[in-house]
C-alpha atoms as a PDB file:
ATOM      1  CA  MET A   1      -0.245   0.014  -0.158  1.00  0.00           C
ATOM      2  CA  LEU A   2       2.742   1.675   0.745  1.00  0.00           C
ATOM      3  CA  LYS A   3       3.959   1.908  -2.991  1.00  0.00           C
ATOM      4  CA  VAL A   4       0.747   3.144  -4.474  1.00  0.00           C
ATOM      5  CA  LYS A   5       0.772   6.252  -1.906  1.00  0.00           C
ATOM      6  CA  GLY A   6       4.564   6.676  -3.409  1.00  0.00           C
ATOM      7  CA  ARG A   7       3.031   6.670  -6.946  1.00  0.00           C
ATOM      8  CA  LEU A   8       0.571   8.752  -6.584  1.00  0.00           C
ATOM      9  CA  ARG A   9       2.484  10.986  -4.901  1.00  0.00           C
ATOM     10  CA  VAL A  10       5.307  11.259  -7.698  1.00  0.00           C
ATOM     11  CA  ALA A  11       2.584  11.616 -10.096  1.00  0.00           C
ATOM     12  CA  VAL A  12       0.908  14.664  -8.826  1.00  0.00           C
ATOM     13  CA  SER A  13       4.291  16.190  -7.926  1.00  0.00           C
ATOM     14  CA  SER A  14       5.853  15.397 -11.282  1.00  0.00           C
ATOM     15  CA  LYS A  15       2.667  16.978 -12.581  1.00  0.00           C
ATOM     16  CA  LEU A  16       2.719  20.184 -10.461  1.00  0.00           C
ATOM     17  CA  LYS A  17       5.897  21.135 -11.719  1.00  0.00           C
ATOM     18  CA  ASN A  18       5.240  21.878 -14.969  1.00  0.00           C
ATOM     19  CA  VAL A  19       2.225  23.473 -14.549  1.00  0.00           C
ATOM     20  CA  SER A  20       2.152  27.321 -15.276  1.00  0.00           C
ATOM     21  CA  LEU A  21       0.014  29.665 -13.125  1.00  0.00           C
ATOM     22  CA  GLY A  22      -2.481  30.055 -15.764  1.00  0.00           C
ATOM     23  CA  THR A  23      -3.341  26.609 -15.987  1.00  0.00           C
ATOM     24  CA  LEU A  24      -3.566  26.590 -11.529  1.00  0.00           C
ATOM     25  CA  ALA A  25      -5.856  29.373 -11.832  1.00  0.00           C
ATOM     26  CA  PRO A  26      -9.427  27.832 -12.743  1.00  0.00           C
ATOM     27  CA  VAL A  27      -8.399  24.452 -10.799  1.00  0.00           C
ATOM     28  CA  ALA A  28      -7.754  27.024  -7.864  1.00  0.00           C
ATOM     29  CA  PHE A  29     -11.062  28.669  -8.655  1.00  0.00           C
ATOM     30  CA  TYR A  30     -13.016  25.382  -9.238  1.00  0.00           C
ATOM     31  CA  GLY A  31     -11.902  24.009  -6.078  1.00  0.00           C
ATOM     32  CA  VAL A  32     -11.956  26.966  -3.817  1.00  0.00           C
ATOM     33  CA  ALA A  33     -15.769  27.292  -4.952  1.00  0.00           C
ATOM     34  CA  GLY A  34     -16.370  23.780  -4.105  1.00  0.00           C
ATOM     35  CA  ILE A  35     -14.709  24.165  -0.857  1.00  0.00           C
ATOM     36  CA  LEU A  36     -16.957  26.996   0.161  1.00  0.00           C
ATOM     37  CA  PHE A  37     -20.244  25.472  -1.194  1.00  0.00           C
ATOM     38  CA  LEU A  38     -19.758  22.721   0.946  1.00  0.00           C
ATOM     39  CA  VAL A  39     -18.958  25.080   3.676  1.00  0.00           C
ATOM     40  CA  LEU A  40     -22.113  26.782   3.204  1.00  0.00           C
ATOM     41  CA  LEU A  41     -24.526  23.806   2.815  1.00  0.00           C
ATOM     42  CA  PRO A  42     -25.148  23.304   6.661  1.00  0.00           C
ATOM     43  CA  ILE A  43     -25.322  27.319   6.597  1.00  0.00           C
ATOM     44  CA  ALA A  44     -27.811  27.475   4.215  1.00  0.00           C
ATOM     45  CA  ASN A  45     -29.871  24.331   5.902  1.00  0.00           C
ATOM     46  CA  TYR A  46     -28.674  21.992   3.386  1.00  0.00           C
ATOM     47  CA  PRO A  47     -30.193  22.610  -0.195  1.00  0.00           C
ATOM     48  CA  PRO A  48     -29.338  19.708  -2.499  1.00  0.00           C
ATOM     49  CA  HIS A  49     -28.215  22.271  -5.293  1.00  0.00           C
ATOM     50  CA  ILE A  50     -25.225  23.762  -3.695  1.00  0.00           C
ATOM     51  CA  GLY A  51     -24.310  20.474  -2.117  1.00  0.00           C
ATOM     52  CA  LEU A  52     -24.300  19.208  -5.509  1.00  0.00           C
ATOM     53  CA  THR A  53     -22.746  22.218  -7.180  1.00  0.00           C
ATOM     54  CA  GLY A  54     -19.775  22.289  -4.619  1.00  0.00           C
ATOM     55  CA  ILE A  55     -19.401  18.569  -5.631  1.00  0.00           C
ATOM     56  CA  VAL A  56     -19.239  19.035  -9.210  1.00  0.00           C
ATOM     57  CA  SER A  57     -17.067  21.968  -8.646  1.00  0.00           C
ATOM     58  CA  LEU A  58     -14.512  20.070  -7.084  1.00  0.00           C
ATOM     59  CA  ILE A  59     -14.477  17.275  -9.399  1.00  0.00           C
ATOM     60  CA  ALA A  60     -14.109  20.125 -12.210  1.00  0.00           C
ATOM     61  CA  ALA A  61     -10.842  20.992 -10.673  1.00  0.00           C
ATOM     62  CA  TYR A  62      -9.833  17.552 -10.278  1.00  0.00           C
ATOM     63  CA  GLY A  63     -10.512  17.432 -14.116  1.00  0.00           C
ATOM     64  CA  LEU A  64      -8.833  20.143 -15.087  1.00  0.00           C
ATOM     65  CA  LEU A  65      -5.405  19.747 -12.939  1.00  0.00           C
ATOM     66  CA  THR A  66      -5.122  16.279 -14.402  1.00  0.00           C
ATOM     67  CA  LYS A  67      -6.143  17.017 -17.734  1.00  0.00           C
ATOM     68  CA  ARG A  68      -8.937  14.611 -18.089  1.00  0.00           C
ATOM     69  CA  TRP A  69     -10.748  14.825 -22.065  1.00  0.00           C
ATOM     70  CA  TRP A  70     -14.033  15.568 -19.837  1.00  0.00           C
ATOM     71  CA  ALA A  71     -13.028  18.264 -17.882  1.00  0.00           C
ATOM     72  CA  LEU A  72     -14.299  20.940 -20.386  1.00  0.00           C
ATOM     73  CA  ARG A  73     -17.577  19.618 -20.732  1.00  0.00           C
ATOM     74  CA  LEU A  74     -17.916  19.143 -17.026  1.00  0.00           C
ATOM     75  CA  VAL A  75     -17.015  22.861 -16.873  1.00  0.00           C
ATOM     76  CA  ILE A  76     -19.524  24.350 -19.322  1.00  0.00           C
ATOM     77  CA  ALA A  77     -22.326  22.201 -17.811  1.00  0.00           C
ATOM     78  CA  LEU A  78     -21.342  23.550 -14.191  1.00  0.00           C
ATOM     79  CA  PHE A  79     -21.343  27.138 -15.745  1.00  0.00           C
ATOM     80  CA  LEU A  80     -24.856  26.922 -17.201  1.00  0.00           C
ATOM     81  CA  VAL A  81     -25.708  25.632 -13.868  1.00  0.00           C
ATOM     82  CA  VAL A  82     -24.533  28.112 -11.794  1.00  0.00           C
ATOM     83  CA  ALA A  83     -25.868  30.960 -14.609  1.00  0.00           C
ATOM     84  CA  THR A  84     -29.491  29.390 -14.133  1.00  0.00           C
ATOM     85  CA  ILE A  85     -28.696  29.555 -10.166  1.00  0.00           C
ATOM     86  CA  SER A  86     -27.113  32.685  -9.975  1.00  0.00           C
ATOM     87  CA  LEU A  87     -29.825  34.667 -12.398  1.00  0.00           C
ATOM     88  CA  TYR A  88     -32.319  32.814 -10.237  1.00  0.00           C
ATOM     89  CA  THR A  89     -31.420  33.952  -6.857  1.00  0.00           C
ATOM     90  CA  LEU A  90     -30.360  38.064  -8.013  1.00  0.00           C
ATOM     91  CA  TYR A  91     -33.543  37.955  -9.618  1.00  0.00           C
ATOM     92  CA  PHE A  92     -35.508  37.694  -6.169  1.00  0.00           C
ATOM     93  CA  ILE A  93     -32.789  39.381  -3.578  1.00  0.00           C
ATOM     94  CA  VAL A  94     -31.109  42.478  -6.078  1.00  0.00           C
ATOM     95  CA  LEU A  95     -32.554  44.842  -3.605  1.00  0.00           C
ATOM     96  CA  SER A  96     -32.935  43.096  -0.530  1.00  0.00           C
ATOM     97  CA  ASN A  97     -29.523  42.252   0.434  1.00  0.00           C
ATOM     98  CA  TRP A  98     -26.670  43.715  -1.371  1.00  0.00           C
ATOM     99  CA  LEU A  99     -23.822  41.442  -0.558  1.00  0.00           C
ATOM    100  CA  VAL A 100     -24.811  38.426  -1.582  1.00  0.00           C
ATOM    101  CA  SER A 101     -25.813  39.981  -4.715  1.00  0.00           C
ATOM    102  CA  VAL A 102     -22.215  41.287  -5.004  1.00  0.00           C
ATOM    103  CA  GLY A 103     -20.879  37.922  -4.689  1.00  0.00           C
ATOM    104  CA  LEU A 104     -23.313  35.865  -6.789  1.00  0.00           C
ATOM    105  CA  ILE A 105     -22.277  38.571  -9.713  1.00  0.00           C
ATOM    106  CA  ALA A 106     -18.758  37.897  -8.729  1.00  0.00           C
ATOM    107  CA  TYR A 107     -18.808  34.404  -8.599  1.00  0.00           C
ATOM    108  CA  LEU A 108     -20.767  34.315 -12.135  1.00  0.00           C
ATOM    109  CA  LEU A 109     -18.322  37.013 -14.224  1.00  0.00           C
ATOM    110  CA  LEU A 110     -15.612  34.658 -12.810  1.00  0.00           C
ATOM    111  CA  SER A 111     -17.580  31.268 -13.452  1.00  0.00           C
ATOM    112  CA  LEU A 112     -18.086  32.561 -16.866  1.00  0.00           C
ATOM    113  CA  TYR A 113     -14.069  33.542 -17.074  1.00  0.00           C
ATOM    114  CA  PHE A 114     -12.747  30.468 -16.008  1.00  0.00           C
ATOM    115  CA  MET A 115     -15.068  28.455 -18.473  1.00  0.00           C
ATOM    116  CA  TYR A 116     -14.388  30.866 -21.362  1.00  0.00           C
ATOM    117  CA  TYR A 117     -10.756  30.832 -20.496  1.00  0.00           C
ATOM    118  CA  THR A 118     -10.392  26.855 -20.278  1.00  0.00           C
ATOM    119  CA  TYR A 119     -12.392  26.524 -23.305  1.00  0.00           C
ATOM    120  CA  THR A 120      -9.824  29.054 -25.470  1.00  0.00           C
ATOM    121  CA  ARG A 121      -6.750  26.790 -23.510  1.00  0.00           C
ATOM    122  CA  ARG A 122      -8.195  23.280 -24.331  1.00  0.00           C
ATOM    123  CA  ASN A 123      -9.087  23.572 -28.468  1.00  0.00           C
ATOM    124  CA  LYS A 124      -5.434  24.348 -29.131  1.00  0.00           C
END
């Protein structure tokens, strides 16, 4: 079992040696967003869409880090889900809660940017 862990550690560390900052930025965004959604889950009384979005964000971060063929499709699908949920929520709270509205707008714009960035980098 130690050999398997050693191989995994070597594989991840060898992949991280040749990775640029531009490649790590979407991985960090989706990883941090996934963790924040999972932390927010008990605070928001366990709505299922927040938990599923967090889990899918973490899976997207893993797929982008390991350069899986399905990562781009998952990022595009995640953006469509995020855009739908964010715009729906913004429609109802834009005038009542400014802090959440600004956060949702920032998350939506960052999600759009990293989806576009991932799309343009993967199709080269």
